[in-house]
Amino acid sequence: MKTIWDVIKGPVITEKALMMKEEVESMGRDGNDRQLLTLKVANHATKPEIRNAVEKIFGVKVDNVRITNYLGKIKRTARQREGGRRPSWKKAYVTLKSGERTIVYEDAI
């Protein structure tokens, strides 16, 4: 049985992700007052599982979940001629409902 901690691996901490989280009208989201979280999730996670995990961990209501799959990059190594591959991973963009409290990652996890 999967727990909510098996679904959510952690937040994505990049400049763009933090800007989308903190400034609600950033990145072409004009007229939007909802907060957008960017999370790294398990490769097997589905949208309903991600929605339930975020609602339980952060104590908020989720409006929308979008998912992107990333293929691991091929990297050259000294010992392998053909090179190795970094692991593939999945990212979820979770939009909270209007009027929900602001999420601080340090407090929740």
PDB file of N, CA and C in Angstrom:
ATOM      1  N   MET A   1       0.831  -1.182   0.000  1.00  0.00           N
ATOM      2  CA  MET A   1       0.000   0.000   0.000  1.00  0.00           C
ATOM      3  C   MET A   1       0.879   1.251   0.000  1.00  0.00           C
ATOM      4  N   LYS A   2       0.512   2.203  -0.833  1.00  0.00           N
ATOM      5  CA  LYS A   2       1.274   3.432  -0.935  1.00  0.00           C
ATOM      6  C   LYS A   2       0.772   4.452   0.077  1.00  0.00           C
ATOM      7  N   THR A   3       1.698   5.137   0.699  1.00  0.00           N
ATOM      8  CA  THR A   3       1.331   6.219   1.603  1.00  0.00           C
ATOM      9  C   THR A   3       1.470   7.547   0.859  1.00  0.00           C
ATOM     10  N   ILE A   4       1.020   8.611   1.505  1.00  0.00           N
ATOM     11  CA  ILE A   4       1.129   9.924   0.858  1.00  0.00           C
ATOM     12  C   ILE A   4       2.585  10.348   0.706  1.00  0.00           C
ATOM     13  N   TRP A   5       3.463   9.819   1.562  1.00  0.00           N
ATOM     14  CA  TRP A   5       4.880  10.168   1.465  1.00  0.00           C
ATOM     15  C   TRP A   5       5.575   9.399   0.354  1.00  0.00           C
ATOM     16  N   ASP A   6       4.960   8.319  -0.141  1.00  0.00           N
ATOM     17  CA  ASP A   6       5.497   7.628  -1.312  1.00  0.00           C
ATOM     18  C   ASP A   6       5.138   8.356  -2.591  1.00  0.00           C
ATOM     19  N   VAL A   7       4.098   9.152  -2.565  1.00  0.00           N
ATOM     20  CA  VAL A   7       3.637   9.868  -3.756  1.00  0.00           C
ATOM     21  C   VAL A   7       4.426  11.167  -3.942  1.00  0.00           C
ATOM     22  N   ILE A   8       4.516  11.978  -2.894  1.00  0.00           N
ATOM     23  CA  ILE A   8       5.198  13.271  -2.969  1.00  0.00           C
ATOM     24  C   ILE A   8       6.649  13.084  -2.553  1.00  0.00           C
ATOM     25  N   LYS A   9       7.580  13.387  -3.452  1.00  0.00           N
ATOM     26  CA  LYS A   9       9.001  13.260  -3.153  1.00  0.00           C
ATOM     27  C   LYS A   9       9.574  14.550  -2.559  1.00  0.00           C
ATOM     28  N   GLY A  10       9.063  15.701  -2.982  1.00  0.00           N
ATOM     29  CA  GLY A  10       9.551  16.965  -2.443  1.00  0.00           C
ATOM     30  C   GLY A  10       9.213  18.116  -3.369  1.00  0.00           C
ATOM     31  N   PRO A  11       9.462  19.344  -2.914  1.00  0.00           N
ATOM     32  CA  PRO A  11       9.189  20.505  -3.762  1.00  0.00           C
ATOM     33  C   PRO A  11      10.296  20.713  -4.788  1.00  0.00           C
ATOM     34  N   VAL A  12       9.941  21.354  -5.884  1.00  0.00           N
ATOM     35  CA  VAL A  12      10.930  21.759  -6.873  1.00  0.00           C
ATOM     36  C   VAL A  12      11.338  23.179  -6.518  1.00  0.00           C
ATOM     37  N   ILE A  13      12.603  23.366  -6.158  1.00  0.00           N
ATOM     38  CA  ILE A  13      13.093  24.665  -5.731  1.00  0.00           C
ATOM     39  C   ILE A  13      13.944  25.252  -6.848  1.00  0.00           C
ATOM     40  N   THR A  14      13.302  25.961  -7.755  1.00  0.00           N
ATOM     41  CA  THR A  14      13.992  26.708  -8.797  1.00  0.00           C
ATOM     42  C   THR A  14      13.460  28.133  -8.767  1.00  0.00           C
ATOM     43  N   GLU A  15      14.156  29.017  -9.451  1.00  0.00           N
ATOM     44  CA  GLU A  15      13.727  30.413  -9.460  1.00  0.00           C
ATOM     45  C   GLU A  15      12.334  30.561 -10.068  1.00  0.00           C
ATOM     46  N   LYS A  16      12.089  29.864 -11.161  1.00  0.00           N
ATOM     47  CA  LYS A  16      10.796  29.943 -11.828  1.00  0.00           C
ATOM     48  C   LYS A  16       9.683  29.358 -10.961  1.00  0.00           C
ATOM     49  N   ALA A  17       9.937  28.216 -10.337  1.00  0.00           N
ATOM     50  CA  ALA A  17       8.912  27.563  -9.507  1.00  0.00           C
ATOM     51  C   ALA A  17       8.559  28.422  -8.301  1.00  0.00           C
ATOM     52  N   LEU A  18       9.564  29.037  -7.673  1.00  0.00           N
ATOM     53  CA  LEU A  18       9.297  29.891  -6.523  1.00  0.00           C
ATOM     54  C   LEU A  18       8.567  31.171  -6.927  1.00  0.00           C
ATOM     55  N   MET A  19       8.876  31.697  -8.119  1.00  0.00           N
ATOM     56  CA  MET A  19       8.168  32.883  -8.600  1.00  0.00           C
ATOM     57  C   MET A  19       6.702  32.564  -8.856  1.00  0.00           C
ATOM     58  N   MET A  20       6.420  31.400  -9.451  1.00  0.00           N
ATOM     59  CA  MET A  20       5.033  31.008  -9.706  1.00  0.00           C
ATOM     60  C   MET A  20       4.280  30.769  -8.406  1.00  0.00           C
ATOM     61  N   LYS A  21       4.973  30.297  -7.372  1.00  0.00           N
ATOM     62  CA  LYS A  21       4.345  30.020  -6.082  1.00  0.00           C
ATOM     63  C   LYS A  21       4.021  31.305  -5.328  1.00  0.00           C
ATOM     64  N   GLU A  22       4.946  32.265  -5.328  1.00  0.00           N
ATOM     65  CA  GLU A  22       4.806  33.462  -4.504  1.00  0.00           C
ATOM     66  C   GLU A  22       4.043  34.591  -5.189  1.00  0.00           C
ATOM     67  N   GLU A  23       4.245  34.776  -6.481  1.00  0.00           N
ATOM     68  CA  GLU A  23       3.567  35.846  -7.205  1.00  0.00           C
ATOM     69  C   GLU A  23       2.435  35.230  -8.021  1.00  0.00           C
ATOM     70  N   VAL A  24       1.218  35.446  -7.568  1.00  0.00           N
ATOM     71  CA  VAL A  24       0.086  34.715  -8.155  1.00  0.00           C
ATOM     72  C   VAL A  24      -0.226  35.132  -9.592  1.00  0.00           C
ATOM     73  N   GLU A  25       0.175  36.317 -10.007  1.00  0.00           N
ATOM     74  CA  GLU A  25      -0.096  36.740 -11.387  1.00  0.00           C
ATOM     75  C   GLU A  25       1.153  36.674 -12.260  1.00  0.00           C
ATOM     76  N   SER A  26       2.144  35.869 -11.876  1.00  0.00           N
ATOM     77  CA  SER A  26       3.371  35.761 -12.662  1.00  0.00           C
ATOM     78  C   SER A  26       3.205  34.755 -13.795  1.00  0.00           C
ATOM     79  N   MET A  27       4.117  34.791 -14.721  1.00  0.00           N
ATOM     80  CA  MET A  27       4.206  33.836 -15.826  1.00  0.00           C
ATOM     81  C   MET A  27       2.931  33.769 -16.668  1.00  0.00           C
ATOM     82  N   GLY A  28       2.333  34.917 -16.954  1.00  0.00           N
ATOM     83  CA  GLY A  28       1.165  34.967 -17.819  1.00  0.00           C
ATOM     84  C   GLY A  28      -0.123  34.508 -17.182  1.00  0.00           C
ATOM     85  N   ARG A  29      -0.200  34.494 -15.857  1.00  0.00           N
ATOM     86  CA  ARG A  29      -1.418  34.068 -15.174  1.00  0.00           C
ATOM     87  C   ARG A  29      -2.182  35.298 -14.694  1.00  0.00           C
ATOM     88  N   ASP A  30      -2.452  36.233 -15.579  1.00  0.00           N
ATOM     89  CA  ASP A  30      -3.139  37.472 -15.223  1.00  0.00           C
ATOM     90  C   ASP A  30      -4.555  37.190 -14.728  1.00  0.00           C
ATOM     91  N   GLY A  31      -4.970  37.908 -13.705  1.00  0.00           N
ATOM     92  CA  GLY A  31      -6.303  37.747 -13.147  1.00  0.00           C
ATOM     93  C   GLY A  31      -6.461  36.491 -12.314  1.00  0.00           C
ATOM     94  N   ASN A  32      -5.370  35.892 -11.926  1.00  0.00           N
ATOM     95  CA  ASN A  32      -5.419  34.638 -11.166  1.00  0.00           C
ATOM     96  C   ASN A  32      -5.015  34.926  -9.725  1.00  0.00           C
ATOM     97  N   ASP A  33      -5.806  34.481  -8.757  1.00  0.00           N
ATOM     98  CA  ASP A  33      -5.477  34.703  -7.349  1.00  0.00           C
ATOM     99  C   ASP A  33      -5.170  33.395  -6.628  1.00  0.00           C
ATOM    100  N   ARG A  34      -4.924  32.327  -7.386  1.00  0.00           N
ATOM    101  CA  ARG A  34      -4.662  31.015  -6.782  1.00  0.00           C
ATOM    102  C   ARG A  34      -3.162  30.734  -6.750  1.00  0.00           C
ATOM    103  N   GLN A  35      -2.732  30.003  -5.735  1.00  0.00           N
ATOM    104  CA  GLN A  35      -1.330  29.661  -5.579  1.00  0.00           C
ATOM    105  C   GLN A  35      -1.006  28.399  -6.370  1.00  0.00           C
ATOM    106  N   LEU A  36       0.178  28.362  -6.967  1.00  0.00           N
ATOM    107  CA  LEU A  36       0.607  27.225  -7.780  1.00  0.00           C
ATOM    108  C   LEU A  36       1.835  26.586  -7.144  1.00  0.00           C
ATOM    109  N   LEU A  37       1.729  25.314  -6.762  1.00  0.00           N
ATOM    110  CA  LEU A  37       2.839  24.571  -6.173  1.00  0.00           C
ATOM    111  C   LEU A  37       3.464  23.682  -7.232  1.00  0.00           C
ATOM    112  N   THR A  38       4.786  23.550  -7.201  1.00  0.00           N
ATOM    113  CA  THR A  38       5.504  22.672  -8.110  1.00  0.00           C
ATOM    114  C   THR A  38       6.184  21.604  -7.273  1.00  0.00           C
ATOM    115  N   LEU A  39       5.832  20.337  -7.512  1.00  0.00           N
ATOM    116  CA  LEU A  39       6.321  19.239  -6.680  1.00  0.00           C
ATOM    117  C   LEU A  39       6.920  18.135  -7.532  1.00  0.00           C
ATOM    118  N   LYS A  40       7.967  17.495  -7.001  1.00  0.00           N
ATOM    119  CA  LYS A  40       8.511  16.300  -7.622  1.00  0.00           C
ATOM    120  C   LYS A  40       7.756  15.120  -7.032  1.00  0.00           C
ATOM    121  N   VAL A  41       7.193  14.272  -7.901  1.00  0.00           N
ATOM    122  CA  VAL A  41       6.356  13.159  -7.446  1.00  0.00           C
ATOM    123  C   VAL A  41       6.905  11.846  -7.985  1.00  0.00           C
ATOM    124  N   ALA A  42       6.385  10.753  -7.457  1.00  0.00           N
ATOM    125  CA  ALA A  42       6.809   9.420  -7.890  1.00  0.00           C
ATOM    126  C   ALA A  42       6.378   9.176  -9.334  1.00  0.00           C
ATOM    127  N   ASN A  43       7.141   8.347 -10.031  1.00  0.00           N
ATOM    128  CA  ASN A  43       6.843   8.057 -11.437  1.00  0.00           C
ATOM    129  C   ASN A  43       5.505   7.349 -11.621  1.00  0.00           C
ATOM    130  N   HIS A  44       5.045   6.611 -10.624  1.00  0.00           N
ATOM    131  CA  HIS A  44       3.799   5.849 -10.732  1.00  0.00           C
ATOM    132  C   HIS A  44       2.592   6.652 -10.239  1.00  0.00           C
ATOM    133  N   ALA A  45       2.800   7.869  -9.738  1.00  0.00           N
ATOM    134  CA  ALA A  45       1.715   8.641  -9.122  1.00  0.00           C
ATOM    135  C   ALA A  45       0.704   9.122 -10.164  1.00  0.00           C
ATOM    136  N   THR A  46      -0.570   9.056  -9.793  1.00  0.00           N
ATOM    137  CA  THR A  46      -1.640   9.548 -10.656  1.00  0.00           C
ATOM    138  C   THR A  46      -2.156  10.874 -10.111  1.00  0.00           C
ATOM    139  N   LYS A  47      -2.976  11.565 -10.905  1.00  0.00           N
ATOM    140  CA  LYS A  47      -3.510  12.858 -10.474  1.00  0.00           C
ATOM    141  C   LYS A  47      -4.348  12.766  -9.200  1.00  0.00           C
ATOM    142  N   PRO A  48      -5.260  11.795  -9.065  1.00  0.00           N
ATOM    143  CA  PRO A  48      -6.024  11.699  -7.814  1.00  0.00           C
ATOM    144  C   PRO A  48      -5.140  11.410  -6.600  1.00  0.00           C
ATOM    145  N   GLU A  49      -4.108  10.592  -6.759  1.00  0.00           N
ATOM    146  CA  GLU A  49      -3.195  10.315  -5.649  1.00  0.00           C
ATOM    147  C   GLU A  49      -2.448  11.571  -5.233  1.00  0.00           C
ATOM    148  N   ILE A  50      -2.005  12.356  -6.202  1.00  0.00           N
ATOM    149  CA  ILE A  50      -1.295  13.603  -5.909  1.00  0.00           C
ATOM    150  C   ILE A  50      -2.228  14.584  -5.219  1.00  0.00           C
ATOM    151  N   ARG A  51      -3.455  14.688  -5.706  1.00  0.00           N
ATOM    152  CA  ARG A  51      -4.438  15.591  -5.095  1.00  0.00           C
ATOM    153  C   ARG A  51      -4.682  15.223  -3.623  1.00  0.00           C
ATOM    154  N   ASN A  52      -4.907  13.939  -3.350  1.00  0.00           N
ATOM    155  CA  ASN A  52      -5.153  13.493  -1.974  1.00  0.00           C
ATOM    156  C   ASN A  52      -3.941  13.725  -1.071  1.00  0.00           C
ATOM    157  N   ALA A  53      -2.743  13.461  -1.595  1.00  0.00           N
ATOM    158  CA  ALA A  53      -1.530  13.646  -0.795  1.00  0.00           C
ATOM    159  C   ALA A  53      -1.320  15.113  -0.436  1.00  0.00           C
ATOM    160  N   VAL A  54      -1.513  16.017  -1.383  1.00  0.00           N
ATOM    161  CA  VAL A  54      -1.332  17.450  -1.118  1.00  0.00           C
ATOM    162  C   VAL A  54      -2.380  17.947  -0.130  1.00  0.00           C
ATOM    163  N   GLU A  55      -3.605  17.507  -0.286  1.00  0.00           N
ATOM    164  CA  GLU A  55      -4.664  17.940   0.641  1.00  0.00           C
ATOM    165  C   GLU A  55      -4.388  17.456   2.061  1.00  0.00           C
ATOM    166  N   LYS A  56      -3.857  16.236   2.215  1.00  0.00           N
ATOM    167  CA  LYS A  56      -3.578  15.722   3.555  1.00  0.00           C
ATOM    168  C   LYS A  56      -2.332  16.349   4.172  1.00  0.00           C
ATOM    169  N   ILE A  57      -1.286  16.522   3.375  1.00  0.00           N
ATOM    170  CA  ILE A  57      -0.028  17.054   3.910  1.00  0.00           C
ATOM    171  C   ILE A  57      -0.152  18.531   4.273  1.00  0.00           C
ATOM    172  N   PHE A  58      -0.681  19.335   3.364  1.00  0.00           N
ATOM    173  CA  PHE A  58      -0.714  20.779   3.560  1.00  0.00           C
ATOM    174  C   PHE A  58      -2.005  21.281   4.188  1.00  0.00           C
ATOM    175  N   GLY A  59      -3.061  20.479   4.185  1.00  0.00           N
ATOM    176  CA  GLY A  59      -4.325  20.894   4.772  1.00  0.00           C
ATOM    177  C   GLY A  59      -5.045  21.956   3.971  1.00  0.00           C
ATOM    178  N   VAL A  60      -5.008  21.858   2.648  1.00  0.00           N
ATOM    179  CA  VAL A  60      -5.657  22.821   1.761  1.00  0.00           C
ATOM    180  C   VAL A  60      -6.512  22.075   0.744  1.00  0.00           C
ATOM    181  N   LYS A  61      -7.317  22.804  -0.014  1.00  0.00           N
ATOM    182  CA  LYS A  61      -8.131  22.222  -1.086  1.00  0.00           C
ATOM    183  C   LYS A  61      -7.438  22.456  -2.421  1.00  0.00           C
ATOM    184  N   VAL A  62      -7.371  21.409  -3.232  1.00  0.00           N
ATOM    185  CA  VAL A  62      -6.705  21.468  -4.531  1.00  0.00           C
ATOM    186  C   VAL A  62      -7.746  21.688  -5.617  1.00  0.00           C
ATOM    187  N   ASP A  63      -7.432  22.602  -6.538  1.00  0.00           N
ATOM    188  CA  ASP A  63      -8.331  22.887  -7.650  1.00  0.00           C
ATOM    189  C   ASP A  63      -7.959  22.082  -8.888  1.00  0.00           C
ATOM    190  N   ASN A  64      -6.662  22.017  -9.204  1.00  0.00           N
ATOM    191  CA  ASN A  64      -6.237  21.407 -10.460  1.00  0.00           C
ATOM    192  C   ASN A  64      -4.862  20.780 -10.278  1.00  0.00           C
ATOM    193  N   VAL A  65      -4.609  19.666 -10.982  1.00  0.00           N
ATOM    194  CA  VAL A  65      -3.302  19.012 -10.979  1.00  0.00           C
ATOM    195  C   VAL A  65      -2.896  18.772 -12.430  1.00  0.00           C
ATOM    196  N   ARG A  66      -1.696  19.227 -12.775  1.00  0.00           N
ATOM    197  CA  ARG A  66      -1.125  18.956 -14.099  1.00  0.00           C
ATOM    198  C   ARG A  66       0.194  18.221 -13.902  1.00  0.00           C
ATOM    199  N   ILE A  67       0.510  17.286 -14.799  1.00  0.00           N
ATOM    200  CA  ILE A  67       1.685  16.433 -14.659  1.00  0.00           C
ATOM    201  C   ILE A  67       2.543  16.519 -15.912  1.00  0.00           C
ATOM    202  N   THR A  68       3.873  16.512 -15.685  1.00  0.00           N
ATOM    203  CA  THR A  68       4.821  16.423 -16.792  1.00  0.00           C
ATOM    204  C   THR A  68       5.826  15.334 -16.488  1.00  0.00           C
ATOM    205  N   ASN A  69       6.156  14.537 -17.491  1.00  0.00           N
ATOM    206  CA  ASN A  69       7.166  13.499 -17.357  1.00  0.00           C
ATOM    207  C   ASN A  69       8.463  13.990 -17.988  1.00  0.00           C
ATOM    208  N   TYR A  70       9.588  13.761 -17.297  1.00  0.00           N
ATOM    209  CA  TYR A  70      10.887  14.158 -17.797  1.00  0.00           C
ATOM    210  C   TYR A  70      11.740  12.918 -17.988  1.00  0.00           C
ATOM    211  N   LEU A  71      12.343  12.796 -19.167  1.00  0.00           N
ATOM    212  CA  LEU A  71      13.237  11.701 -19.478  1.00  0.00           C
ATOM    213  C   LEU A  71      14.626  12.056 -18.969  1.00  0.00           C
ATOM    214  N   GLY A  72      15.290  11.124 -18.312  1.00  0.00           N
ATOM    215  CA  GLY A  72      16.624  11.377 -17.770  1.00  0.00           C
ATOM    216  C   GLY A  72      17.627  11.682 -18.871  1.00  0.00           C
ATOM    217  N   LYS A  73      18.519  12.608 -18.582  1.00  0.00           N
ATOM    218  CA  LYS A  73      19.519  13.013 -19.564  1.00  0.00           C
ATOM    219  C   LYS A  73      20.605  11.951 -19.706  1.00  0.00           C
ATOM    220  N   ILE A  74      21.159  11.856 -20.906  1.00  0.00           N
ATOM    221  CA  ILE A  74      22.288  10.969 -21.147  1.00  0.00           C
ATOM    222  C   ILE A  74      23.550  11.733 -20.754  1.00  0.00           C
ATOM    223  N   LYS A  75      24.358  11.110 -19.908  1.00  0.00           N
ATOM    224  CA  LYS A  75      25.593  11.728 -19.437  1.00  0.00           C
ATOM    225  C   LYS A  75      26.770  10.823 -19.767  1.00  0.00           C
ATOM    226  N   ARG A  76      27.859  11.430 -20.190  1.00  0.00           N
ATOM    227  CA  ARG A  76      29.068  10.661 -20.467  1.00  0.00           C
ATOM    228  C   ARG A  76      29.772  10.336 -19.166  1.00  0.00           C
ATOM    229  N   THR A  77      30.324   9.151 -19.112  1.00  0.00           N
ATOM    230  CA  THR A  77      31.114   8.755 -17.961  1.00  0.00           C
ATOM    231  C   THR A  77      32.453   8.229 -18.455  1.00  0.00           C
ATOM    232  N   ALA A  78      33.414   8.171 -17.575  1.00  0.00           N
ATOM    233  CA  ALA A  78      34.750   7.737 -17.971  1.00  0.00           C
ATOM    234  C   ALA A  78      34.807   6.241 -18.246  1.00  0.00           C
ATOM    235  N   ARG A  79      33.949   5.468 -17.598  1.00  0.00           N
ATOM    236  CA  ARG A  79      34.047   4.016 -17.699  1.00  0.00           C
ATOM    237  C   ARG A  79      33.110   3.406 -18.733  1.00  0.00           C
ATOM    238  N   GLN A  80      32.115   4.124 -19.150  1.00  0.00           N
ATOM    239  CA  GLN A  80      31.169   3.572 -20.115  1.00  0.00           C
ATOM    240  C   GLN A  80      31.280   4.349 -21.420  1.00  0.00           C
ATOM    241  N   ARG A  81      31.507   3.661 -22.498  1.00  0.00           N
ATOM    242  CA  ARG A  81      31.650   4.337 -23.786  1.00  0.00           C
ATOM    243  C   ARG A  81      30.338   4.979 -24.231  1.00  0.00           C
ATOM    244  N   GLU A  82      29.255   4.234 -24.073  1.00  0.00           N
ATOM    245  CA  GLU A  82      27.965   4.758 -24.521  1.00  0.00           C
ATOM    246  C   GLU A  82      27.369   5.764 -23.539  1.00  0.00           C
ATOM    247  N   GLY A  83      27.922   5.838 -22.341  1.00  0.00           N
ATOM    248  CA  GLY A  83      27.438   6.812 -21.364  1.00  0.00           C
ATOM    249  C   GLY A  83      26.342   6.236 -20.492  1.00  0.00           C
ATOM    250  N   GLY A  84      26.013   6.970 -19.474  1.00  0.00           N
ATOM    251  CA  GLY A  84      24.955   6.555 -18.567  1.00  0.00           C
ATOM    252  C   GLY A  84      23.747   7.447 -18.721  1.00  0.00           C
ATOM    253  N   ARG A  85      22.748   7.182 -17.935  1.00  0.00           N
ATOM    254  CA  ARG A  85      21.530   7.970 -18.007  1.00  0.00           C
ATOM    255  C   ARG A  85      21.083   8.328 -16.600  1.00  0.00           C
ATOM    256  N   ARG A  86      20.724   9.589 -16.417  1.00  0.00           N
ATOM    257  CA  ARG A  86      20.144  10.001 -15.149  1.00  0.00           C
ATOM    258  C   ARG A  86      18.711   9.475 -15.089  1.00  0.00           C
ATOM    259  N   PRO A  87      18.168   9.309 -13.883  1.00  0.00           N
ATOM    260  CA  PRO A  87      16.827   8.723 -13.793  1.00  0.00           C
ATOM    261  C   PRO A  87      15.739   9.655 -14.331  1.00  0.00           C
ATOM    262  N   SER A  88      14.716   9.054 -14.908  1.00  0.00           N
ATOM    263  CA  SER A  88      13.547   9.808 -15.354  1.00  0.00           C
ATOM    264  C   SER A  88      12.727  10.191 -14.127  1.00  0.00           C
ATOM    265  N   TRP A  89      11.976  11.305 -14.220  1.00  0.00           N
ATOM    266  CA  TRP A  89      11.197  11.762 -13.079  1.00  0.00           C
ATOM    267  C   TRP A  89       9.938  12.463 -13.546  1.00  0.00           C
ATOM    268  N   LYS A  90       9.051  12.729 -12.590  1.00  0.00           N
ATOM    269  CA  LYS A  90       7.748  13.322 -12.889  1.00  0.00           C
ATOM    270  C   LYS A  90       7.556  14.559 -12.026  1.00  0.00           C
ATOM    271  N   LYS A  91       7.025  15.622 -12.651  1.00  0.00           N
ATOM    272  CA  LYS A  91       6.759  16.870 -11.937  1.00  0.00           C
ATOM    273  C   LYS A  91       5.268  17.159 -11.997  1.00  0.00           C
ATOM    274  N   ALA A  92       4.732  17.662 -10.879  1.00  0.00           N
ATOM    275  CA  ALA A  92       3.308  17.989 -10.806  1.00  0.00           C
ATOM    276  C   ALA A  92       3.147  19.462 -10.477  1.00  0.00           C
ATOM    277  N   TYR A  93       2.276  20.138 -11.237  1.00  0.00           N
ATOM    278  CA  TYR A  93       1.884  21.514 -10.950  1.00  0.00           C
ATOM    279  C   TYR A  93       0.514  21.446 -10.284  1.00  0.00           C
ATOM    280  N   VAL A  94       0.451  21.846  -9.022  1.00  0.00           N
ATOM    281  CA  VAL A  94      -0.780  21.750  -8.245  1.00  0.00           C
ATOM    282  C   VAL A  94      -1.305  23.156  -8.000  1.00  0.00           C
ATOM    283  N   THR A  95      -2.510  23.437  -8.493  1.00  0.00           N
ATOM    284  CA  THR A  95      -3.147  24.730  -8.288  1.00  0.00           C
ATOM    285  C   THR A  95      -4.124  24.611  -7.134  1.00  0.00           C
ATOM    286  N   LEU A  96      -3.960  25.488  -6.143  1.00  0.00           N
ATOM    287  CA  LEU A  96      -4.849  25.486  -4.984  1.00  0.00           C
ATOM    288  C   LEU A  96      -6.098  26.296  -5.285  1.00  0.00           C
ATOM    289  N   LYS A  97      -7.162  26.027  -4.554  1.00  0.00           N
ATOM    290  CA  LYS A  97      -8.405  26.781  -4.739  1.00  0.00           C
ATOM    291  C   LYS A  97      -8.235  28.208  -4.261  1.00  0.00           C
ATOM    292  N   SER A  98      -9.081  29.078  -4.755  1.00  0.00           N
ATOM    293  CA  SER A  98      -9.041  30.491  -4.397  1.00  0.00           C
ATOM    294  C   SER A  98      -9.345  30.680  -2.916  1.00  0.00           C
ATOM    295  N   GLY A  99      -8.553  31.525  -2.244  1.00  0.00           N
ATOM    296  CA  GLY A  99      -8.779  31.815  -0.837  1.00  0.00           C
ATOM    297  C   GLY A  99      -8.050  30.899   0.127  1.00  0.00           C
ATOM    298  N   GLU A 100      -7.283  29.938  -0.367  1.00  0.00           N
ATOM    299  CA  GLU A 100      -6.538  29.042   0.521  1.00  0.00           C
ATOM    300  C   GLU A 100      -5.330  29.769   1.101  1.00  0.00           C
ATOM    301  N   ARG A 101      -4.883  29.285   2.258  1.00  0.00           N
ATOM    302  CA  ARG A 101      -3.734  29.924   2.925  1.00  0.00           C
ATOM    303  C   ARG A 101      -2.452  29.706   2.120  1.00  0.00           C
ATOM    304  N   THR A 102      -1.486  30.597   2.332  1.00  0.00           N
ATOM    305  CA  THR A 102      -0.199  30.495   1.640  1.00  0.00           C
ATOM    306  C   THR A 102       0.614  29.349   2.217  1.00  0.00           C
ATOM    307  N   ILE A 103       1.182  28.554   1.334  1.00  0.00           N
ATOM    308  CA  ILE A 103       1.956  27.379   1.743  1.00  0.00           C
ATOM    309  C   ILE A 103       3.418  27.767   1.908  1.00  0.00           C
ATOM    310  N   VAL A 104       3.998  27.346   3.029  1.00  0.00           N
ATOM    311  CA  VAL A 104       5.439  27.465   3.263  1.00  0.00           C
ATOM    312  C   VAL A 104       5.960  26.042   3.383  1.00  0.00           C
ATOM    313  N   TYR A 105       6.872  25.644   2.495  1.00  0.00           N
ATOM    314  CA  TYR A 105       7.325  24.266   2.448  1.00  0.00           C
ATOM    315  C   TYR A 105       7.970  23.816   3.759  1.00  0.00           C
ATOM    316  N   GLU A 106       8.694  24.693   4.422  1.00  0.00           N
ATOM    317  CA  GLU A 106       9.414  24.315   5.647  1.00  0.00           C
ATOM    318  C   GLU A 106       8.455  23.936   6.775  1.00  0.00           C
ATOM    319  N   ASP A 107       7.307  24.570   6.833  1.00  0.00           N
ATOM    320  CA  ASP A 107       6.349  24.292   7.898  1.00  0.00           C
ATOM    321  C   ASP A 107       5.630  22.961   7.707  1.00  0.00           C
ATOM    322  N   ALA A 108       5.415  22.563   6.451  1.00  0.00           N
ATOM    323  CA  ALA A 108       4.585  21.405   6.171  1.00  0.00           C
ATOM    324  C   ALA A 108       5.357  20.089   6.196  1.00  0.00           C
ATOM    325  N   ILE A 109       6.604  20.133   5.788  1.00  0.00           N
ATOM    326  CA  ILE A 109       7.348  18.873   5.635  1.00  0.00           C
ATOM    327  C   ILE A 109       8.380  18.734   6.732  1.00  0.00           C
TER     328      ILE A 109
END
